[in-house]
Amino acid sequence: MASFESLYNKIEYNVKAALLRLSELSNENEQLRRQNEELEEKQHALQQQLIDTEEKMKLLVITKTVLDKKDKIETKQQINDWVREIDYCIKLLSNK
């Protein structure tokens, strides 16, 4: 009988140890799942931030291009005005 009780106690101990280990692993698994969800949310937020930043960069490039064209047009206009003024002065000088 003693060997049966001893065997029973060993089995009971092993089952309790296995259940305890199962509980620990379940807790760890749940913690890792939550951590994974948090990391996925952060990744999604960072991807959205990257997309937003890329859109802002595109807008800045377009704006700079438009402004550069505007500056070129204004500069050409100013040069043309100066040339007309110089021509007018030359005309006035040649009439004297």
N, C-alpha and C. Protein backbone atom coordinates (compact mmCIF):
# COMPACT_ATOMS: atom_id res chain seq x y z
N MET A 1 0.80 -1.19 0.00
CA MET A 1 0.00 0.00 0.00
C MET A 1 0.84 1.26 0.00
N ALA A 2 1.96 1.18 0.64
CA ALA A 2 2.81 2.37 0.75
C ALA A 2 3.28 2.80 -0.62
N SER A 3 3.56 1.87 -1.51
CA SER A 3 4.05 2.24 -2.83
C SER A 3 2.92 2.88 -3.65
N PHE A 4 1.66 2.44 -3.43
CA PHE A 4 0.54 3.03 -4.14
C PHE A 4 0.34 4.48 -3.69
N GLU A 5 0.42 4.71 -2.36
CA GLU A 5 0.28 6.08 -1.85
C GLU A 5 1.42 6.95 -2.32
N SER A 6 2.59 6.41 -2.35
CA SER A 6 3.76 7.15 -2.81
C SER A 6 3.60 7.51 -4.28
N LEU A 7 3.16 6.56 -5.08
CA LEU A 7 2.93 6.80 -6.50
C LEU A 7 1.81 7.82 -6.68
N TYR A 8 0.74 7.70 -5.89
CA TYR A 8 -0.37 8.64 -5.97
C TYR A 8 0.09 10.05 -5.60
N ASN A 9 0.88 10.18 -4.55
CA ASN A 9 1.39 11.48 -4.12
C ASN A 9 2.29 12.11 -5.19
N LYS A 10 3.13 11.28 -5.82
CA LYS A 10 3.99 11.79 -6.89
C LYS A 10 3.15 12.31 -8.07
N ILE A 11 2.13 11.52 -8.42
CA ILE A 11 1.25 11.93 -9.54
C ILE A 11 0.51 13.21 -9.17
N GLU A 12 -0.01 13.27 -7.94
CA GLU A 12 -0.72 14.47 -7.50
C GLU A 12 0.22 15.68 -7.50
N TYR A 13 1.42 15.51 -7.01
CA TYR A 13 2.41 16.58 -7.00
C TYR A 13 2.72 17.04 -8.42
N ASN A 14 2.93 16.10 -9.33
CA ASN A 14 3.25 16.43 -10.72
C ASN A 14 2.08 17.15 -11.40
N VAL A 15 0.84 16.69 -11.09
CA VAL A 15 -0.33 17.34 -11.68
C VAL A 15 -0.44 18.78 -11.16
N LYS A 16 -0.24 18.97 -9.83
CA LYS A 16 -0.30 20.32 -9.26
C LYS A 16 0.80 21.20 -9.85
N ALA A 17 1.99 20.65 -10.00
CA ALA A 17 3.10 21.41 -10.58
C ALA A 17 2.80 21.77 -12.03
N ALA A 18 2.21 20.83 -12.77
CA ALA A 18 1.86 21.08 -14.17
C ALA A 18 0.77 22.15 -14.26
N LEU A 19 -0.23 22.08 -13.36
CA LEU A 19 -1.30 23.09 -13.35
C LEU A 19 -0.75 24.48 -12.99
N LEU A 20 0.17 24.50 -12.03
CA LEU A 20 0.80 25.76 -11.65
C LEU A 20 1.60 26.33 -12.82
N ARG A 21 2.36 25.48 -13.49
CA ARG A 21 3.15 25.91 -14.66
C ARG A 21 2.22 26.38 -15.78
N LEU A 22 1.11 25.67 -15.97
CA LEU A 22 0.12 26.06 -16.98
C LEU A 22 -0.44 27.43 -16.67
N SER A 23 -0.74 27.68 -15.41
CA SER A 23 -1.26 28.98 -14.99
C SER A 23 -0.22 30.07 -15.24
N GLU A 24 1.03 29.81 -14.88
CA GLU A 24 2.10 30.79 -15.12
C GLU A 24 2.26 31.09 -16.60
N LEU A 25 2.25 30.05 -17.41
CA LEU A 25 2.40 30.23 -18.85
C LEU A 25 1.20 30.95 -19.46
N SER A 26 0.02 30.67 -18.93
CA SER A 26 -1.18 31.36 -19.41
C SER A 26 -1.09 32.85 -19.10
N ASN A 27 -0.64 33.19 -17.88
CA ASN A 27 -0.46 34.60 -17.51
C ASN A 27 0.59 35.28 -18.40
N GLU A 28 1.69 34.57 -18.60
CA GLU A 28 2.74 35.13 -19.46
C GLU A 28 2.23 35.32 -20.89
N ASN A 29 1.47 34.34 -21.37
CA ASN A 29 0.91 34.41 -22.72
C ASN A 29 -0.02 35.61 -22.83
N GLU A 30 -0.86 35.83 -21.85
CA GLU A 30 -1.78 36.97 -21.86
C GLU A 30 -1.01 38.29 -21.83
N GLN A 31 0.02 38.34 -21.02
CA GLN A 31 0.85 39.54 -20.94
C GLN A 31 1.52 39.81 -22.29
N LEU A 32 2.02 38.78 -22.93
CA LEU A 32 2.66 38.94 -24.24
C LEU A 32 1.65 39.36 -25.30
N ARG A 33 0.43 38.86 -25.21
CA ARG A 33 -0.62 39.28 -26.15
C ARG A 33 -0.92 40.77 -26.00
N ARG A 34 -1.04 41.22 -24.75
CA ARG A 34 -1.31 42.65 -24.52
C ARG A 34 -0.15 43.50 -25.03
N GLN A 35 1.06 43.04 -24.75
CA GLN A 35 2.25 43.76 -25.21
C GLN A 35 2.28 43.81 -26.74
N ASN A 36 1.93 42.72 -27.38
CA ASN A 36 1.89 42.66 -28.84
C ASN A 36 0.85 43.64 -29.39
N GLU A 37 -0.32 43.70 -28.76
CA GLU A 37 -1.36 44.63 -29.20
C GLU A 37 -0.88 46.07 -29.06
N GLU A 38 -0.22 46.38 -27.95
CA GLU A 38 0.30 47.74 -27.74
C GLU A 38 1.33 48.08 -28.82
N LEU A 39 2.21 47.14 -29.12
CA LEU A 39 3.23 47.39 -30.13
C LEU A 39 2.61 47.56 -31.52
N GLU A 40 1.57 46.78 -31.80
CA GLU A 40 0.88 46.94 -33.09
C GLU A 40 0.20 48.30 -33.19
N GLU A 41 -0.38 48.77 -32.07
CA GLU A 41 -1.00 50.09 -32.06
C GLU A 41 0.04 51.18 -32.28
N LYS A 42 1.19 51.04 -31.62
CA LYS A 42 2.28 52.01 -31.80
C LYS A 42 2.78 51.99 -33.24
N GLN A 43 2.90 50.80 -33.80
CA GLN A 43 3.36 50.68 -35.19
C GLN A 43 2.36 51.36 -36.12
N HIS A 44 1.09 51.14 -35.89
CA HIS A 44 0.06 51.77 -36.72
C HIS A 44 0.13 53.30 -36.60
N ALA A 45 0.30 53.79 -35.37
CA ALA A 45 0.40 55.24 -35.15
C ALA A 45 1.63 55.81 -35.85
N LEU A 46 2.74 55.09 -35.78
CA LEU A 46 3.97 55.56 -36.44
C LEU A 46 3.83 55.53 -37.96
N GLN A 47 3.15 54.52 -38.48
CA GLN A 47 2.92 54.46 -39.92
C GLN A 47 2.04 55.63 -40.36
N GLN A 48 1.02 55.95 -39.58
CA GLN A 48 0.15 57.08 -39.91
C GLN A 48 0.93 58.38 -39.83
N GLN A 49 1.81 58.48 -38.82
CA GLN A 49 2.63 59.68 -38.69
C GLN A 49 3.57 59.81 -39.89
N LEU A 50 4.12 58.70 -40.36
CA LEU A 50 4.99 58.71 -41.53
C LEU A 50 4.22 59.17 -42.76
N ILE A 51 3.02 58.65 -42.94
CA ILE A 51 2.19 59.04 -44.08
C ILE A 51 1.88 60.54 -44.01
N ASP A 52 1.52 61.02 -42.82
CA ASP A 52 1.22 62.45 -42.65
C ASP A 52 2.45 63.31 -42.96
N THR A 53 3.60 62.87 -42.49
CA THR A 53 4.84 63.61 -42.72
C THR A 53 5.18 63.62 -44.21
N GLU A 54 4.99 62.50 -44.87
CA GLU A 54 5.25 62.45 -46.32
C GLU A 54 4.32 63.39 -47.06
N GLU A 55 3.05 63.46 -46.66
CA GLU A 55 2.10 64.37 -47.29
C GLU A 55 2.51 65.83 -47.06
N LYS A 56 2.95 66.14 -45.85
CA LYS A 56 3.40 67.50 -45.56
C LYS A 56 4.63 67.84 -46.41
N MET A 57 5.52 66.88 -46.55
CA MET A 57 6.72 67.11 -47.35
C MET A 57 6.35 67.37 -48.82
N LYS A 58 5.42 66.59 -49.34
CA LYS A 58 4.96 66.80 -50.72
C LYS A 58 4.36 68.20 -50.87
N LEU A 59 3.56 68.59 -49.90
CA LEU A 59 2.93 69.91 -49.94
C LEU A 59 3.99 71.01 -49.89
N LEU A 60 5.01 70.83 -49.05
CA LEU A 60 6.08 71.82 -48.99
C LEU A 60 6.84 71.92 -50.30
N VAL A 61 7.10 70.78 -50.94
CA VAL A 61 7.80 70.78 -52.22
C VAL A 61 6.96 71.51 -53.27
N ILE A 62 5.68 71.22 -53.30
CA ILE A 62 4.78 71.88 -54.26
C ILE A 62 4.74 73.38 -53.98
N THR A 63 4.61 73.75 -52.71
CA THR A 63 4.57 75.16 -52.34
C THR A 63 5.86 75.87 -52.73
N LYS A 64 6.98 75.23 -52.47
CA LYS A 64 8.28 75.82 -52.83
C LYS A 64 8.38 76.00 -54.33
N THR A 65 7.93 75.02 -55.08
CA THR A 65 7.97 75.11 -56.53
C THR A 65 7.12 76.27 -57.02
N VAL A 66 5.93 76.40 -56.47
CA VAL A 66 5.03 77.49 -56.86
C VAL A 66 5.65 78.83 -56.50
N LEU A 67 6.21 78.93 -55.30
CA LEU A 67 6.82 80.18 -54.87
C LEU A 67 8.04 80.52 -55.72
N ASP A 68 8.83 79.51 -56.07
CA ASP A 68 9.98 79.75 -56.93
C ASP A 68 9.53 80.30 -58.27
N LYS A 69 8.48 79.74 -58.83
CA LYS A 69 7.95 80.23 -60.10
C LYS A 69 7.45 81.66 -59.94
N LYS A 70 6.77 81.95 -58.84
CA LYS A 70 6.27 83.29 -58.59
C LYS A 70 7.43 84.26 -58.49
N ASP A 71 8.49 83.88 -57.77
CA ASP A 71 9.67 84.73 -57.64
C ASP A 71 10.30 84.98 -59.00
N LYS A 72 10.37 83.96 -59.83
CA LYS A 72 10.95 84.11 -61.16
C LYS A 72 10.13 85.09 -61.99
N ILE A 73 8.82 84.97 -61.91
CA ILE A 73 7.93 85.85 -62.67
C ILE A 73 8.11 87.29 -62.20
N GLU A 74 8.13 87.48 -60.86
CA GLU A 74 8.31 88.82 -60.32
C GLU A 74 9.66 89.40 -60.71
N THR A 75 10.69 88.59 -60.68
CA THR A 75 12.03 89.05 -61.06
C THR A 75 12.07 89.44 -62.53
N LYS A 76 11.48 88.61 -63.38
CA LYS A 76 11.42 88.94 -64.81
C LYS A 76 10.66 90.24 -65.02
N GLN A 77 9.57 90.40 -64.31
CA GLN A 77 8.77 91.63 -64.43
C GLN A 77 9.60 92.84 -64.02
N GLN A 78 10.32 92.71 -62.93
CA GLN A 78 11.13 93.83 -62.46
C GLN A 78 12.24 94.16 -63.47
N ILE A 79 12.89 93.14 -64.01
CA ILE A 79 13.93 93.36 -65.02
C ILE A 79 13.33 94.05 -66.24
N ASN A 80 12.18 93.58 -66.68
CA ASN A 80 11.51 94.22 -67.83
C ASN A 80 11.19 95.68 -67.53
N ASP A 81 10.74 95.97 -66.33
CA ASP A 81 10.45 97.35 -65.96
C ASP A 81 11.72 98.20 -66.02
N TRP A 82 12.82 97.66 -65.53
CA TRP A 82 14.10 98.40 -65.56
C TRP A 82 14.56 98.65 -66.99
N VAL A 83 14.41 97.61 -67.82
CA VAL A 83 14.81 97.76 -69.22
C VAL A 83 13.98 98.84 -69.89
N ARG A 84 12.69 98.87 -69.64
CA ARG A 84 11.84 99.91 -70.20
C ARG A 84 12.27 101.30 -69.71
N GLU A 85 12.57 101.38 -68.44
CA GLU A 85 13.00 102.65 -67.88
C GLU A 85 14.33 103.10 -68.49
N ILE A 86 15.26 102.17 -68.65
CA ILE A 86 16.55 102.48 -69.29
C ILE A 86 16.32 102.91 -70.72
N ASP A 87 15.46 102.20 -71.44
CA ASP A 87 15.15 102.57 -72.82
C ASP A 87 14.55 103.97 -72.88
N TYR A 88 13.69 104.26 -71.94
CA TYR A 88 13.06 105.58 -71.90
C TYR A 88 14.12 106.67 -71.66
N CYS A 89 15.05 106.37 -70.73
CA CYS A 89 16.13 107.33 -70.46
C CYS A 89 17.01 107.53 -71.67
N ILE A 90 17.34 106.45 -72.34
CA ILE A 90 18.14 106.54 -73.57
C ILE A 90 17.41 107.36 -74.62
N LYS A 91 16.14 107.14 -74.74
CA LYS A 91 15.34 107.89 -75.72
C LYS A 91 15.35 109.38 -75.36
N LEU A 92 15.19 109.69 -74.11
CA LEU A 92 15.22 111.08 -73.68
C LEU A 92 16.58 111.72 -73.96
N LEU A 93 17.62 110.99 -73.71
CA LEU A 93 18.98 111.50 -73.94
C LEU A 93 19.25 111.67 -75.43
N SER A 94 18.76 110.78 -76.21
CA SER A 94 19.00 110.87 -77.65
C SER A 94 18.22 112.02 -78.28
N ASN A 95 17.13 112.46 -77.68
CA ASN A 95 16.34 113.56 -78.19
C ASN A 95 16.99 114.91 -77.90
N LYS A 96 17.86 115.00 -77.01
CA LYS A 96 18.48 116.27 -76.65
C LYS A 96 19.56 116.62 -77.57
